[in-house]
Amino acid sequence: MNFADEWTQKEFLQNKIRLEKLGIKVLLIDTILSGIENMDTVLYNPHELAKEPEGSVFVFYCDSGKATLNRLSEYKKKFYKHHCISLKGGRGYWRRNMMLLEKDEL
């Protein structure tokens, strides 16, 4: 699978649902020691992240999204068995009340 280098919050939420239905783990990685309210995040720990199943998707975030986007090539080299993405706008653009509503199937 090929993914874009950046995902917006909406893309993250949509892709998390879609990929986890396919059995692919999607993790939101905190690189600034500042969690996101109402969202499960994982602190950046290369040793522990390397233990995640191959093919997992790591979405890295910082305050603005710039630092994680700049370091994305470094993350991709370090976690070559995983997919690495930067959260566009970082924590600063995260809307804590944003949620996705699944369409009713008829």
PDB file of N, CA and C in Angstrom:
ATOM      1  N   MET A   1       0.839  -1.192   0.000  1.00  0.00           N
ATOM      2  CA  MET A   1       0.000   0.000   0.000  1.00  0.00           C
ATOM      3  C   MET A   1       0.874   1.242   0.000  1.00  0.00           C
ATOM      4  N   ASN A   2       0.432   2.224  -0.726  1.00  0.00           N
ATOM      5  CA  ASN A   2       1.116   3.513  -0.735  1.00  0.00           C
ATOM      6  C   ASN A   2       0.209   4.554  -0.093  1.00  0.00           C
ATOM      7  N   PHE A   3       0.791   5.374   0.744  1.00  0.00           N
ATOM      8  CA  PHE A   3       0.038   6.416   1.433  1.00  0.00           C
ATOM      9  C   PHE A   3       0.699   7.765   1.176  1.00  0.00           C
ATOM     10  N   ALA A   4      -0.098   8.818   1.294  1.00  0.00           N
ATOM     11  CA  ALA A   4       0.436  10.179   1.193  1.00  0.00           C
ATOM     12  C   ALA A   4       1.358  10.439   2.380  1.00  0.00           C
ATOM     13  N   ASP A   5       2.228  11.431   2.254  1.00  0.00           N
ATOM     14  CA  ASP A   5       3.137  11.769   3.349  1.00  0.00           C
ATOM     15  C   ASP A   5       2.419  12.451   4.506  1.00  0.00           C
ATOM     16  N   GLU A   6       1.287  13.087   4.232  1.00  0.00           N
ATOM     17  CA  GLU A   6       0.525  13.787   5.269  1.00  0.00           C
ATOM     18  C   GLU A   6      -0.943  13.379   5.215  1.00  0.00           C
ATOM     19  N   TRP A   7      -1.531  13.302   6.392  1.00  0.00           N
ATOM     20  CA  TRP A   7      -2.976  13.100   6.508  1.00  0.00           C
ATOM     21  C   TRP A   7      -3.543  14.229   7.349  1.00  0.00           C
ATOM     22  N   THR A   8      -4.704  14.728   6.965  1.00  0.00           N
ATOM     23  CA  THR A   8      -5.439  15.663   7.801  1.00  0.00           C
ATOM     24  C   THR A   8      -6.096  14.852   8.916  1.00  0.00           C
ATOM     25  N   GLN A   9      -6.674  15.535   9.876  1.00  0.00           N
ATOM     26  CA  GLN A   9      -7.379  14.833  10.952  1.00  0.00           C
ATOM     27  C   GLN A   9      -8.499  13.972  10.372  1.00  0.00           C
ATOM     28  N   LYS A  10      -9.251  14.525   9.440  1.00  0.00           N
ATOM     29  CA  LYS A  10     -10.356  13.775   8.839  1.00  0.00           C
ATOM     30  C   LYS A  10      -9.842  12.526   8.119  1.00  0.00           C
ATOM     31  N   GLU A  11      -8.757  12.678   7.366  1.00  0.00           N
ATOM     32  CA  GLU A  11      -8.178  11.526   6.668  1.00  0.00           C
ATOM     33  C   GLU A  11      -7.685  10.488   7.661  1.00  0.00           C
ATOM     34  N   PHE A  12      -7.072  10.947   8.753  1.00  0.00           N
ATOM     35  CA  PHE A  12      -6.614  10.021   9.788  1.00  0.00           C
ATOM     36  C   PHE A  12      -7.789   9.216  10.341  1.00  0.00           C
ATOM     37  N   LEU A  13      -8.864   9.897  10.724  1.00  0.00           N
ATOM     38  CA  LEU A  13     -10.014   9.215  11.307  1.00  0.00           C
ATOM     39  C   LEU A  13     -10.657   8.248  10.316  1.00  0.00           C
ATOM     40  N   GLN A  14     -10.801   8.666   9.063  1.00  0.00           N
ATOM     41  CA  GLN A  14     -11.380   7.797   8.038  1.00  0.00           C
ATOM     42  C   GLN A  14     -10.504   6.578   7.780  1.00  0.00           C
ATOM     43  N   ASN A  15      -9.212   6.829   7.592  1.00  0.00           N
ATOM     44  CA  ASN A  15      -8.296   5.728   7.282  1.00  0.00           C
ATOM     45  C   ASN A  15      -8.112   4.786   8.457  1.00  0.00           C
ATOM     46  N   LYS A  16      -8.154   5.295   9.659  1.00  0.00           N
ATOM     47  CA  LYS A  16      -8.038   4.443  10.848  1.00  0.00           C
ATOM     48  C   LYS A  16      -9.179   3.423  10.873  1.00  0.00           C
ATOM     49  N   ILE A  17     -10.387   3.894  10.644  1.00  0.00           N
ATOM     50  CA  ILE A  17     -11.543   2.992  10.619  1.00  0.00           C
ATOM     51  C   ILE A  17     -11.405   1.969   9.500  1.00  0.00           C
ATOM     52  N   ARG A  18     -11.104   2.454   8.303  1.00  0.00           N
ATOM     53  CA  ARG A  18     -11.021   1.579   7.121  1.00  0.00           C
ATOM     54  C   ARG A  18      -9.908   0.543   7.264  1.00  0.00           C
ATOM     55  N   LEU A  19      -8.720   0.978   7.672  1.00  0.00           N
ATOM     56  CA  LEU A  19      -7.582   0.074   7.760  1.00  0.00           C
ATOM     57  C   LEU A  19      -7.720  -0.923   8.902  1.00  0.00           C
ATOM     58  N   GLU A  20      -8.265  -0.489  10.019  1.00  0.00           N
ATOM     59  CA  GLU A  20      -8.413  -1.417  11.139  1.00  0.00           C
ATOM     60  C   GLU A  20      -9.448  -2.498  10.843  1.00  0.00           C
ATOM     61  N   LYS A  21     -10.412  -2.196   9.973  1.00  0.00           N
ATOM     62  CA  LYS A  21     -11.347  -3.234   9.525  1.00  0.00           C
ATOM     63  C   LYS A  21     -10.626  -4.293   8.696  1.00  0.00           C
ATOM     64  N   LEU A  22      -9.510  -3.894   8.069  1.00  0.00           N
ATOM     65  CA  LEU A  22      -8.701  -4.816   7.277  1.00  0.00           C
ATOM     66  C   LEU A  22      -7.616  -5.496   8.118  1.00  0.00           C
ATOM     67  N   GLY A  23      -7.582  -5.187   9.405  1.00  0.00           N
ATOM     68  CA  GLY A  23      -6.607  -5.796  10.308  1.00  0.00           C
ATOM     69  C   GLY A  23      -5.269  -5.075  10.352  1.00  0.00           C
ATOM     70  N   ILE A  24      -5.219  -3.843   9.860  1.00  0.00           N
ATOM     71  CA  ILE A  24      -3.981  -3.055   9.872  1.00  0.00           C
ATOM     72  C   ILE A  24      -4.033  -2.075  11.036  1.00  0.00           C
ATOM     73  N   LYS A  25      -3.039  -2.134  11.881  1.00  0.00           N
ATOM     74  CA  LYS A  25      -2.983  -1.275  13.061  1.00  0.00           C
ATOM     75  C   LYS A  25      -2.559   0.138  12.667  1.00  0.00           C
ATOM     76  N   VAL A  26      -3.279   1.143  13.192  1.00  0.00           N
ATOM     77  CA  VAL A  26      -2.968   2.548  12.926  1.00  0.00           C
ATOM     78  C   VAL A  26      -2.724   3.234  14.261  1.00  0.00           C
ATOM     79  N   LEU A  27      -1.526   3.799  14.445  1.00  0.00           N
ATOM     80  CA  LEU A  27      -1.145   4.428  15.698  1.00  0.00           C
ATOM     81  C   LEU A  27      -0.875   5.911  15.503  1.00  0.00           C
ATOM     82  N   LEU A  28      -1.361   6.721  16.424  1.00  0.00           N
ATOM     83  CA  LEU A  28      -1.076   8.151  16.436  1.00  0.00           C
ATOM     84  C   LEU A  28       0.094   8.355  17.394  1.00  0.00           C
ATOM     85  N   ILE A  29       1.238   8.789  16.857  1.00  0.00           N
ATOM     86  CA  ILE A  29       2.485   8.835  17.609  1.00  0.00           C
ATOM     87  C   ILE A  29       2.781  10.254  18.091  1.00  0.00           C
ATOM     88  N   ASP A  30       2.886  10.407  19.409  1.00  0.00           N
ATOM     89  CA  ASP A  30       3.164  11.682  20.074  1.00  0.00           C
ATOM     90  C   ASP A  30       4.670  11.902  20.142  1.00  0.00           C
ATOM     91  N   THR A  31       5.167  12.914  19.416  1.00  0.00           N
ATOM     92  CA  THR A  31       6.602  13.201  19.427  1.00  0.00           C
ATOM     93  C   THR A  31       6.960  14.380  20.331  1.00  0.00           C
ATOM     94  N   ILE A  32       5.959  14.968  21.018  1.00  0.00           N
ATOM     95  CA  ILE A  32       6.195  16.187  21.806  1.00  0.00           C
ATOM     96  C   ILE A  32       5.793  16.054  23.272  1.00  0.00           C
ATOM     97  N   LEU A  33       5.483  14.848  23.706  1.00  0.00           N
ATOM     98  CA  LEU A  33       5.066  14.583  25.087  1.00  0.00           C
ATOM     99  C   LEU A  33       3.833  15.403  25.473  1.00  0.00           C
ATOM    100  N   SER A  34       2.896  15.496  24.539  1.00  0.00           N
ATOM    101  CA  SER A  34       1.659  16.232  24.771  1.00  0.00           C
ATOM    102  C   SER A  34       0.532  15.510  24.041  1.00  0.00           C
ATOM    103  N   GLY A  35      -0.222  14.731  24.803  1.00  0.00           N
ATOM    104  CA  GLY A  35      -1.287  13.929  24.211  1.00  0.00           C
ATOM    105  C   GLY A  35      -2.411  14.762  23.611  1.00  0.00           C
ATOM    106  N   ILE A  36      -3.278  14.095  22.886  1.00  0.00           N
ATOM    107  CA  ILE A  36      -4.439  14.737  22.286  1.00  0.00           C
ATOM    108  C   ILE A  36      -5.673  14.244  23.039  1.00  0.00           C
ATOM    109  N   GLU A  37      -6.454  15.192  23.516  1.00  0.00           N
ATOM    110  CA  GLU A  37      -7.639  14.885  24.308  1.00  0.00           C
ATOM    111  C   GLU A  37      -8.606  13.986  23.532  1.00  0.00           C
ATOM    112  N   ASN A  38      -9.124  12.979  24.208  1.00  0.00           N
ATOM    113  CA  ASN A  38     -10.097  12.026  23.662  1.00  0.00           C
ATOM    114  C   ASN A  38      -9.550  11.178  22.515  1.00  0.00           C
ATOM    115  N   MET A  39      -8.247  11.021  22.443  1.00  0.00           N
ATOM    116  CA  MET A  39      -7.654  10.206  21.383  1.00  0.00           C
ATOM    117  C   MET A  39      -6.533   9.367  21.991  1.00  0.00           C
ATOM    118  N   ASP A  40      -6.497   8.099  21.626  1.00  0.00           N
ATOM    119  CA  ASP A  40      -5.413   7.235  22.076  1.00  0.00           C
ATOM    120  C   ASP A  40      -4.152   7.572  21.294  1.00  0.00           C
ATOM    121  N   THR A  41      -3.113   7.933  22.020  1.00  0.00           N
ATOM    122  CA  THR A  41      -1.830   8.228  21.392  1.00  0.00           C
ATOM    123  C   THR A  41      -0.757   7.349  22.018  1.00  0.00           C
ATOM    124  N   VAL A  42       0.337   7.194  21.304  1.00  0.00           N
ATOM    125  CA  VAL A  42       1.475   6.404  21.765  1.00  0.00           C
ATOM    126  C   VAL A  42       2.683   7.323  21.786  1.00  0.00           C
ATOM    127  N   LEU A  43       3.409   7.334  22.893  1.00  0.00           N
ATOM    128  CA  LEU A  43       4.626   8.151  22.961  1.00  0.00           C
ATOM    129  C   LEU A  43       5.687   7.592  22.021  1.00  0.00           C
ATOM    130  N   TYR A  44       6.426   8.482  21.385  1.00  0.00           N
ATOM    131  CA  TYR A  44       7.479   8.085  20.463  1.00  0.00           C
ATOM    132  C   TYR A  44       8.575   7.356  21.233  1.00  0.00           C
ATOM    133  N   ASN A  45       8.713   6.079  20.945  1.00  0.00           N
ATOM    134  CA  ASN A  45       9.731   5.226  21.554  1.00  0.00           C
ATOM    135  C   ASN A  45      10.159   4.237  20.462  1.00  0.00           C
ATOM    136  N   PRO A  46      11.245   4.526  19.753  1.00  0.00           N
ATOM    137  CA  PRO A  46      11.646   3.695  18.621  1.00  0.00           C
ATOM    138  C   PRO A  46      11.754   2.199  18.939  1.00  0.00           C
ATOM    139  N   HIS A  47      12.273   1.878  20.109  1.00  0.00           N
ATOM    140  CA  HIS A  47      12.433   0.471  20.484  1.00  0.00           C
ATOM    141  C   HIS A  47      11.080  -0.236  20.542  1.00  0.00           C
ATOM    142  N   GLU A  48      10.094   0.396  21.160  1.00  0.00           N
ATOM    143  CA  GLU A  48       8.764  -0.212  21.285  1.00  0.00           C
ATOM    144  C   GLU A  48       8.005  -0.191  19.960  1.00  0.00           C
ATOM    145  N   LEU A  49       8.140   0.896  19.205  1.00  0.00           N
ATOM    146  CA  LEU A  49       7.438   0.987  17.920  1.00  0.00           C
ATOM    147  C   LEU A  49       7.920  -0.077  16.944  1.00  0.00           C
ATOM    148  N   ALA A  50       9.190  -0.415  16.997  1.00  0.00           N
ATOM    149  CA  ALA A  50       9.734  -1.438  16.098  1.00  0.00           C
ATOM    150  C   ALA A  50       9.100  -2.802  16.334  1.00  0.00           C
ATOM    151  N   LYS A  51       8.507  -3.001  17.489  1.00  0.00           N
ATOM    152  CA  LYS A  51       7.864  -4.272  17.827  1.00  0.00           C
ATOM    153  C   LYS A  51       6.446  -4.389  17.257  1.00  0.00           C
ATOM    154  N   GLU A  52       5.910  -3.292  16.738  1.00  0.00           N
ATOM    155  CA  GLU A  52       4.549  -3.312  16.189  1.00  0.00           C
ATOM    156  C   GLU A  52       4.510  -4.187  14.941  1.00  0.00           C
ATOM    157  N   PRO A  53       3.346  -4.763  14.643  1.00  0.00           N
ATOM    158  CA  PRO A  53       3.249  -5.660  13.485  1.00  0.00           C
ATOM    159  C   PRO A  53       3.686  -4.984  12.182  1.00  0.00           C
ATOM    160  N   GLU A  54       4.351  -5.746  11.342  1.00  0.00           N
ATOM    161  CA  GLU A  54       4.790  -5.235  10.041  1.00  0.00           C
ATOM    162  C   GLU A  54       3.571  -4.744   9.259  1.00  0.00           C
ATOM    163  N   GLY A  55       3.727  -3.593   8.610  1.00  0.00           N
ATOM    164  CA  GLY A  55       2.625  -3.023   7.837  1.00  0.00           C
ATOM    165  C   GLY A  55       1.751  -2.066   8.625  1.00  0.00           C
ATOM    166  N   SER A  56       2.022  -1.933   9.929  1.00  0.00           N
ATOM    167  CA  SER A  56       1.273  -0.969  10.742  1.00  0.00           C
ATOM    168  C   SER A  56       1.512   0.440  10.205  1.00  0.00           C
ATOM    169  N   VAL A  57       0.562   1.325  10.485  1.00  0.00           N
ATOM    170  CA  VAL A  57       0.672   2.710  10.032  1.00  0.00           C
ATOM    171  C   VAL A  57       0.950   3.590  11.243  1.00  0.00           C
ATOM    172  N   PHE A  58       2.042   4.345  11.170  1.00  0.00           N
ATOM    173  CA  PHE A  58       2.411   5.282  12.228  1.00  0.00           C
ATOM    174  C   PHE A  58       2.125   6.696  11.729  1.00  0.00           C
ATOM    175  N   VAL A  59       1.278   7.414  12.446  1.00  0.00           N
ATOM    176  CA  VAL A  59       0.979   8.804  12.103  1.00  0.00           C
ATOM    177  C   VAL A  59       1.607   9.666  13.191  1.00  0.00           C
ATOM    178  N   PHE A  60       2.685  10.352  12.840  1.00  0.00           N
ATOM    179  CA  PHE A  60       3.443  11.156  13.783  1.00  0.00           C
ATOM    180  C   PHE A  60       2.876  12.564  13.855  1.00  0.00           C
ATOM    181  N   TYR A  61       2.841  13.120  15.078  1.00  0.00           N
ATOM    182  CA  TYR A  61       2.415  14.513  15.194  1.00  0.00           C
ATOM    183  C   TYR A  61       3.320  15.285  16.141  1.00  0.00           C
ATOM    184  N   CYS A  62       3.376  16.599  15.881  1.00  0.00           N
ATOM    185  CA  CYS A  62       4.075  17.558  16.743  1.00  0.00           C
ATOM    186  C   CYS A  62       3.090  18.711  16.942  1.00  0.00           C
ATOM    187  N   ASP A  63       3.563  19.874  17.319  1.00  0.00           N
ATOM    188  CA  ASP A  63       2.641  21.001  17.532  1.00  0.00           C
ATOM    189  C   ASP A  63       2.043  21.539  16.239  1.00  0.00           C
ATOM    190  N   SER A  64       2.860  21.650  15.192  1.00  0.00           N
ATOM    191  CA  SER A  64       2.387  22.275  13.957  1.00  0.00           C
ATOM    192  C   SER A  64       2.372  21.340  12.750  1.00  0.00           C
ATOM    193  N   GLY A  65       2.961  20.179  12.860  1.00  0.00           N
ATOM    194  CA  GLY A  65       3.058  19.250  11.741  1.00  0.00           C
ATOM    195  C   GLY A  65       4.310  19.444  10.910  1.00  0.00           C
ATOM    196  N   LYS A  66       5.020  20.549  11.115  1.00  0.00           N
ATOM    197  CA  LYS A  66       6.209  20.846  10.301  1.00  0.00           C
ATOM    198  C   LYS A  66       7.394  19.957  10.674  1.00  0.00           C
ATOM    199  N   ALA A  67       7.646  19.800  11.959  1.00  0.00           N
ATOM    200  CA  ALA A  67       8.802  19.005  12.395  1.00  0.00           C
ATOM    201  C   ALA A  67       8.654  17.544  11.991  1.00  0.00           C
ATOM    202  N   THR A  68       7.461  16.985  12.157  1.00  0.00           N
ATOM    203  CA  THR A  68       7.283  15.572  11.791  1.00  0.00           C
ATOM    204  C   THR A  68       7.344  15.391  10.279  1.00  0.00           C
ATOM    205  N   LEU A  69       6.859  16.359   9.525  1.00  0.00           N
ATOM    206  CA  LEU A  69       6.976  16.262   8.065  1.00  0.00           C
ATOM    207  C   LEU A  69       8.440  16.352   7.652  1.00  0.00           C
ATOM    208  N   ASN A  70       9.208  17.235   8.283  1.00  0.00           N
ATOM    209  CA  ASN A  70      10.640  17.358   7.978  1.00  0.00           C
ATOM    210  C   ASN A  70      11.414  16.095   8.335  1.00  0.00           C
ATOM    211  N   ARG A  71      10.991  15.397   9.377  1.00  0.00           N
ATOM    212  CA  ARG A  71      11.683  14.184   9.831  1.00  0.00           C
ATOM    213  C   ARG A  71      11.120  12.906   9.219  1.00  0.00           C
ATOM    214  N   LEU A  72      10.151  13.040   8.334  1.00  0.00           N
ATOM    215  CA  LEU A  72       9.469  11.861   7.805  1.00  0.00           C
ATOM    216  C   LEU A  72      10.423  10.875   7.125  1.00  0.00           C
ATOM    217  N   SER A  73      11.392  11.366   6.377  1.00  0.00           N
ATOM    218  CA  SER A  73      12.336  10.458   5.717  1.00  0.00           C
ATOM    219  C   SER A  73      13.150   9.675   6.759  1.00  0.00           C
ATOM    220  N   GLU A  74      13.474  10.338   7.868  1.00  0.00           N
ATOM    221  CA  GLU A  74      14.185   9.665   8.966  1.00  0.00           C
ATOM    222  C   GLU A  74      13.318   8.552   9.565  1.00  0.00           C
ATOM    223  N   TYR A  75      12.042   8.861   9.795  1.00  0.00           N
ATOM    224  CA  TYR A  75      11.125   7.853  10.335  1.00  0.00           C
ATOM    225  C   TYR A  75      10.974   6.680   9.368  1.00  0.00           C
ATOM    226  N   LYS A  76      10.875   6.989   8.078  1.00  0.00           N
ATOM    227  CA  LYS A  76      10.697   5.927   7.082  1.00  0.00           C
ATOM    228  C   LYS A  76      11.906   5.001   7.027  1.00  0.00           C
ATOM    229  N   LYS A  77      13.097   5.536   7.209  1.00  0.00           N
ATOM    230  CA  LYS A  77      14.301   4.700   7.240  1.00  0.00           C
ATOM    231  C   LYS A  77      14.332   3.838   8.499  1.00  0.00           C
ATOM    232  N   LYS A  78      13.969   4.443   9.615  1.00  0.00           N
ATOM    233  CA  LYS A  78      14.012   3.746  10.903  1.00  0.00           C
ATOM    234  C   LYS A  78      12.940   2.661  10.997  1.00  0.00           C
ATOM    235  N   PHE A  79      11.765   2.942  10.443  1.00  0.00           N
ATOM    236  CA  PHE A  79      10.625   2.004  10.516  1.00  0.00           C
ATOM    237  C   PHE A  79      10.264   1.546   9.106  1.00  0.00           C
ATOM    238  N   TYR A  80      11.213   0.940   8.412  1.00  0.00           N
ATOM    239  CA  TYR A  80      11.020   0.573   7.017  1.00  0.00           C
ATOM    240  C   TYR A  80       9.976  -0.537   6.822  1.00  0.00           C
ATOM    241  N   LYS A  81       9.620  -1.243   7.872  1.00  0.00           N
ATOM    242  CA  LYS A  81       8.595  -2.293   7.776  1.00  0.00           C
ATOM    243  C   LYS A  81       7.193  -1.748   8.057  1.00  0.00           C
ATOM    244  N   HIS A  82       7.109  -0.457   8.313  1.00  0.00           N
ATOM    245  CA  HIS A  82       5.846   0.191   8.645  1.00  0.00           C
ATOM    246  C   HIS A  82       5.614   1.362   7.698  1.00  0.00           C
ATOM    247  N   HIS A  83       4.413   1.893   7.712  1.00  0.00           N
ATOM    248  CA  HIS A  83       4.085   3.072   6.913  1.00  0.00           C
ATOM    249  C   HIS A  83       4.129   4.290   7.830  1.00  0.00           C
ATOM    250  N   CYS A  84       4.864   5.315   7.439  1.00  0.00           N
ATOM    251  CA  CYS A  84       5.039   6.514   8.261  1.00  0.00           C
ATOM    252  C   CYS A  84       4.401   7.718   7.579  1.00  0.00           C
ATOM    253  N   ILE A  85       3.599   8.439   8.352  1.00  0.00           N
ATOM    254  CA  ILE A  85       2.835   9.580   7.843  1.00  0.00           C
ATOM    255  C   ILE A  85       2.912  10.693   8.876  1.00  0.00           C
ATOM    256  N   SER A  86       2.843  11.931   8.425  1.00  0.00           N
ATOM    257  CA  SER A  86       2.810  13.091   9.317  1.00  0.00           C
ATOM    258  C   SER A  86       1.370  13.608   9.395  1.00  0.00           C
ATOM    259  N   LEU A  87       0.965  14.019  10.587  1.00  0.00           N
ATOM    260  CA  LEU A  87      -0.367  14.597  10.760  1.00  0.00           C
ATOM    261  C   LEU A  87      -0.320  16.061  10.343  1.00  0.00           C
ATOM    262  N   LYS A  88      -1.041  16.408   9.305  1.00  0.00           N
ATOM    263  CA  LYS A  88      -1.027  17.776   8.776  1.00  0.00           C
ATOM    264  C   LYS A  88      -1.580  18.756   9.806  1.00  0.00           C
ATOM    265  N   GLY A  89      -0.821  19.803  10.087  1.00  0.00           N
ATOM    266  CA  GLY A  89      -1.238  20.812  11.062  1.00  0.00           C
ATOM    267  C   GLY A  89      -0.928  20.425  12.497  1.00  0.00           C
ATOM    268  N   GLY A  90      -0.532  19.173  12.700  1.00  0.00           N
ATOM    269  CA  GLY A  90      -0.167  18.707  14.028  1.00  0.00           C
ATOM    270  C   GLY A  90      -1.254  18.855  15.071  1.00  0.00           C
ATOM    271  N   ARG A  91      -0.813  18.912  16.310  1.00  0.00           N
ATOM    272  CA  ARG A  91      -1.734  19.029  17.443  1.00  0.00           C
ATOM    273  C   ARG A  91      -2.501  20.348  17.414  1.00  0.00           C
ATOM    274  N   GLY A  92      -1.883  21.393  16.866  1.00  0.00           N
ATOM    275  CA  GLY A  92      -2.492  22.716  16.837  1.00  0.00           C
ATOM    276  C   GLY A  92      -3.778  22.785  16.025  1.00  0.00           C
ATOM    277  N   TYR A  93      -3.897  21.935  15.010  1.00  0.00           N
ATOM    278  CA  TYR A  93      -5.095  21.952  14.166  1.00  0.00           C
ATOM    279  C   TYR A  93      -6.077  20.836  14.509  1.00  0.00           C
ATOM    280  N   TRP A  94      -5.782  20.072  15.545  1.00  0.00           N
ATOM    281  CA  TRP A  94      -6.657  18.964  15.935  1.00  0.00           C
ATOM    282  C   TRP A  94      -7.950  19.532  16.520  1.00  0.00           C
ATOM    283  N   ARG A  95      -9.060  19.101  16.007  1.00  0.00           N
ATOM    284  CA  ARG A  95     -10.381  19.517  16.505  1.00  0.00           C
ATOM    285  C   ARG A  95     -10.901  18.408  17.399  1.00  0.00           C
ATOM    286  N   ARG A  96     -10.914  18.673  18.702  1.00  0.00           N
ATOM    287  CA  ARG A  96     -11.233  17.599  19.652  1.00  0.00           C
ATOM    288  C   ARG A  96     -12.669  17.108  19.537  1.00  0.00           C
ATOM    289  N   ASN A  97     -13.566  17.908  18.998  1.00  0.00           N
ATOM    290  CA  ASN A  97     -14.959  17.484  18.868  1.00  0.00           C
ATOM    291  C   ASN A  97     -15.283  16.893  17.503  1.00  0.00           C
ATOM    292  N   MET A  98     -14.307  16.842  16.615  1.00  0.00           N
ATOM    293  CA  MET A  98     -14.555  16.275  15.284  1.00  0.00           C
ATOM    294  C   MET A  98     -14.713  14.768  15.401  1.00  0.00           C
ATOM    295  N   MET A  99     -15.731  14.270  14.751  1.00  0.00           N
ATOM    296  CA  MET A  99     -15.931  12.824  14.723  1.00  0.00           C
ATOM    297  C   MET A  99     -16.547  12.461  13.381  1.00  0.00           C
ATOM    298  N   LEU A 100     -16.441  11.220  13.040  1.00  0.00           N
ATOM    299  CA  LEU A 100     -17.032  10.732  11.807  1.00  0.00           C
ATOM    300  C   LEU A 100     -18.272   9.930  12.139  1.00  0.00           C
ATOM    301  N   LEU A 101     -19.289  10.147  11.370  1.00  0.00           N
ATOM    302  CA  LEU A 101     -20.514   9.379  11.520  1.00  0.00           C
ATOM    303  C   LEU A 101     -20.571   8.376  10.384  1.00  0.00           C
ATOM    304  N   GLU A 102     -20.750   7.115  10.733  1.00  0.00           N
ATOM    305  CA  GLU A 102     -20.817   6.102   9.695  1.00  0.00           C
ATOM    306  C   GLU A 102     -22.171   6.172   9.021  1.00  0.00           C
ATOM    307  N   LYS A 103     -22.162   5.997   7.711  1.00  0.00           N
ATOM    308  CA  LYS A 103     -23.409   6.013   6.947  1.00  0.00           C
ATOM    309  C   LYS A 103     -24.201   4.769   7.249  1.00  0.00           C
ATOM    310  N   ASP A 104     -25.501   4.940   7.379  1.00  0.00           N
ATOM    311  CA  ASP A 104     -26.365   3.787   7.598  1.00  0.00           C
ATOM    312  C   ASP A 104     -26.439   2.973   6.322  1.00  0.00           C
ATOM    313  N   GLU A 105     -26.311   1.697   6.479  1.00  0.00           N
ATOM    314  CA  GLU A 105     -26.425   0.815   5.318  1.00  0.00           C
ATOM    315  C   GLU A 105     -27.863   0.358   5.208  1.00  0.00           C
ATOM    316  N   LEU A 106     -28.435   0.494   4.023  1.00  0.00           N
ATOM    317  CA  LEU A 106     -29.839   0.090   3.801  1.00  0.00           C
ATOM    318  C   LEU A 106     -29.914  -1.284   3.203  1.00  0.00           C
TER     319      LEU A 106
END
